[in-house]
Protein backbone atom coordinates (compact mmCIF):
# COMPACT_ATOMS: atom_id res chain seq x y z
CA MET A 1 92.78 77.12 146.66
CA PHE A 2 94.24 78.86 143.90
CA ARG A 3 94.98 82.64 144.29
CA ARG A 4 93.89 84.39 141.84
CA ASN A 5 95.72 87.98 140.51
CA GLU A 6 92.84 90.45 141.20
CA GLU A 7 94.71 93.40 139.06
CA ALA A 8 94.09 93.46 135.52
CA VAL A 9 97.57 95.55 134.17
CA SER A 10 100.58 96.34 136.15
CA PRO A 11 100.93 100.31 136.65
CA VAL A 12 104.03 100.44 134.40
CA ILE A 13 102.29 98.53 131.65
CA GLY A 14 99.26 101.45 131.81
CA VAL A 15 101.52 104.10 131.59
CA ILE A 16 103.56 103.15 128.43
CA LEU A 17 100.04 102.13 126.64
CA MET A 18 99.11 105.77 127.39
CA VAL A 19 102.37 107.51 125.98
CA ALA A 20 101.64 105.62 123.12
CA ILE A 21 98.40 106.32 122.05
CA THR A 22 99.42 110.04 123.24
CA VAL A 23 102.13 109.49 120.51
CA ILE A 24 100.08 107.81 117.49
CA LEU A 25 97.45 110.88 118.17
CA ALA A 26 99.95 113.61 118.19
CA ALA A 27 101.54 111.96 114.89
CA VAL A 28 97.95 111.99 113.39
CA ILE A 29 97.16 115.77 114.06
CA ALA A 30 100.76 116.97 113.02
CA ALA A 31 99.96 114.89 109.46
CA PHE A 32 96.59 117.13 109.29
CA VAL A 33 97.88 120.37 110.21
CA PHE A 34 101.10 120.01 108.22
CA GLY A 35 99.16 118.38 105.03
CA LEU A 36 101.43 115.85 105.46
CA GLY A 37 98.88 113.49 103.75
CA GLY A 38 98.99 115.33 100.96
CA SER A 39 96.25 116.53 98.60
CA GLN A 40 95.53 114.91 95.22
CA GLU A 41 93.47 116.83 92.16
CA LYS A 42 89.88 115.98 92.15
CA ALA A 43 88.95 113.72 89.53
CA PRO A 44 86.68 115.64 86.62
CA THR A 45 83.32 114.14 86.48
CA ALA A 46 82.51 113.41 82.45
CA SER A 47 80.03 111.17 80.82
CA ILE A 48 82.52 109.44 77.84
CA VAL A 49 80.97 106.73 75.52
CA VAL A 50 82.69 104.19 73.34
CA ALA A 51 80.85 102.55 70.60
CA ASN A 52 81.79 100.67 67.07
CA ASN A 53 81.04 103.32 64.48
CA PRO A 54 79.42 101.34 61.83
CA ASP A 55 78.79 104.53 59.86
CA THR A 56 82.15 104.76 57.95
CA THR A 57 83.68 102.83 55.43
CA THR A 58 86.66 102.23 57.65
CA TYR A 59 86.46 100.01 60.63
CA ASP A 60 86.90 102.08 63.89
CA LEU A 61 85.70 103.46 67.22
CA LYS A 62 83.89 106.56 68.44
CA ILE A 63 84.72 108.02 71.65
CA SER A 64 82.10 110.37 72.54
CA HIS A 65 82.34 113.28 75.37
CA LYS A 66 78.18 113.18 76.21
CA GLY A 67 78.23 115.43 79.64
CA GLY A 68 80.18 116.69 82.26
CA ASP A 69 83.54 118.52 82.87
CA THR A 70 86.45 119.53 79.99
CA LEU A 71 89.32 117.29 79.85
CA LYS A 72 92.08 119.62 79.57
CA GLY A 73 94.77 118.94 76.89
CA GLY A 74 97.65 117.27 77.99
CA ASP A 75 95.64 116.22 80.84
CA TRP A 76 94.05 113.06 79.72
CA LYS A 77 95.32 109.78 77.87
CA LEU A 78 94.02 106.89 75.81
CA SER A 79 95.04 103.51 74.97
CA VAL A 80 93.33 101.08 72.75
CA VAL A 81 94.76 97.53 72.78
CA SER A 82 93.43 94.08 71.78
CA ALA A 83 91.18 92.09 74.04
CA THR A 84 91.38 89.31 72.25
CA GLY A 85 93.66 86.17 72.99
CA GLY A 86 94.70 86.78 76.71
CA SER A 87 95.62 90.11 78.47
CA THR A 88 97.54 92.89 77.21
CA ALA A 89 99.27 95.90 79.11
CA PRO A 90 97.54 99.12 78.08
CA GLU A 91 99.80 101.57 76.26
CA PHE A 92 98.90 104.69 76.86
CA VAL A 93 99.04 107.77 73.65
CA ASN A 94 98.95 111.35 75.45
CA SER A 95 96.73 114.28 74.49
CA ASN A 96 97.91 116.88 72.61
CA SER A 97 97.94 120.52 74.69
CA GLY A 98 95.29 122.69 73.64
CA ASN A 99 92.92 119.72 72.52
CA ASP A 100 90.62 120.11 75.11
CA LEU A 101 87.81 117.05 75.26
CA SER A 102 84.55 119.15 75.67
CA VAL A 103 81.14 118.11 75.50
CA GLY A 104 80.20 117.23 72.24
CA ALA A 105 83.61 116.42 71.11
CA GLN A 106 84.23 113.15 69.11
CA ILE A 107 87.35 111.14 68.69
CA SER A 108 87.14 108.93 65.86
CA VAL A 109 89.98 106.23 66.65
CA THR A 110 91.02 103.42 63.32
CA ASN A 111 94.59 102.30 64.70
CA ILE A 112 95.91 100.46 68.41
CA THR A 113 98.24 102.25 70.52
CA THR A 114 100.10 98.90 70.92
CA GLY A 115 103.77 99.95 69.47
CA CYS A 116 102.38 103.21 68.93
CA GLY A 117 105.20 105.35 70.51
CA THR A 118 105.72 108.87 69.66
CA THR A 119 104.29 107.92 66.06
CA CYS A 120 101.26 108.69 67.65
CA THR A 121 99.19 112.03 67.95
CA LEU A 122 96.43 112.53 69.84
CA THR A 123 93.30 115.21 69.49
CA ASN A 124 90.23 116.18 70.61
CA GLN A 125 89.17 114.48 67.22
CA SER A 126 91.44 111.55 66.04
CA LEU A 127 94.23 109.07 67.09
CA ASN A 128 96.84 109.59 64.09
CA THR A 129 100.06 107.33 63.31
CA SER A 130 102.41 108.46 61.08
CA ALA A 131 104.00 104.89 61.11
CA ALA A 132 102.68 102.31 58.99
CA SER A 133 103.43 99.47 61.04
CA THR A 134 101.09 100.47 63.31
CA ALA A 135 98.06 97.99 63.39
CA VAL A 136 94.75 99.35 62.44
CA LEU A 137 91.43 97.84 63.93
CA THR A 138 89.94 94.87 62.22
CA THR A 139 86.61 93.73 62.44
CA GLY A 140 85.21 90.69 64.99
CA THR A 141 88.11 91.87 67.13
CA LYS A 142 87.43 93.01 70.77
CA TYR A 143 89.35 95.98 71.92
CA ASP A 144 90.07 97.26 75.62
CA ILE A 145 89.73 101.17 75.48
CA LYS A 146 91.07 103.11 78.72
CA LEU A 147 90.62 106.86 78.97
CA VAL A 148 92.70 108.36 81.83
CA HIS A 149 92.62 111.78 83.29
CA VAL A 150 96.51 112.35 84.34
CA PRO A 151 96.63 114.93 87.52
CA SER A 152 94.13 112.55 89.34
CA ASN A 153 95.15 109.17 87.97
CA ALA A 154 91.24 108.80 87.29
CA MET A 155 90.12 105.90 85.02
CA LEU A 156 87.32 107.94 83.19
CA VAL A 157 86.59 104.92 80.38
CA ASP A 158 87.42 101.35 80.76
CA THR A 159 85.80 99.69 78.77
CA VAL A 160 85.95 96.31 75.70
CA VAL A 161 84.12 97.37 72.24
CA GLU A 162 83.93 94.98 69.36
CA VAL A 163 84.54 96.69 65.74
CA ARG A 164 81.93 95.12 63.54
């Protein structure tokens, strides 16, 4: 009655598929051989803790490097913005070269980085500003803290801490 076509694929389609697969494989192999995939610097392994610092008379946060790799000065940046009242985009301040963040180092933060611009200085001990208009941390406010390793673009710290 009804006649069925017993052939699955015509020979022309089969040849086209084989050529396409060969070209794709050749492109993938060439990318690996010639390094077109690029190489990204490996992210450092570091244990960094952010906490409210109630032991001082000012409202501040303490960022402590507890263990792992040293972060070379100039290779890391910090953002401290208010997390209260909606989402605020991070505003990063780059660390100064020569200020490595090594095990045992503690950064004291009393200001936010919002609107800081070039008036802020970030060292392995503190975040300082020369602008009187830069907002200081206030009690009862939550802050979003991000620390990024610049060469690998790895987020090493992404946390929210309330100042008390």
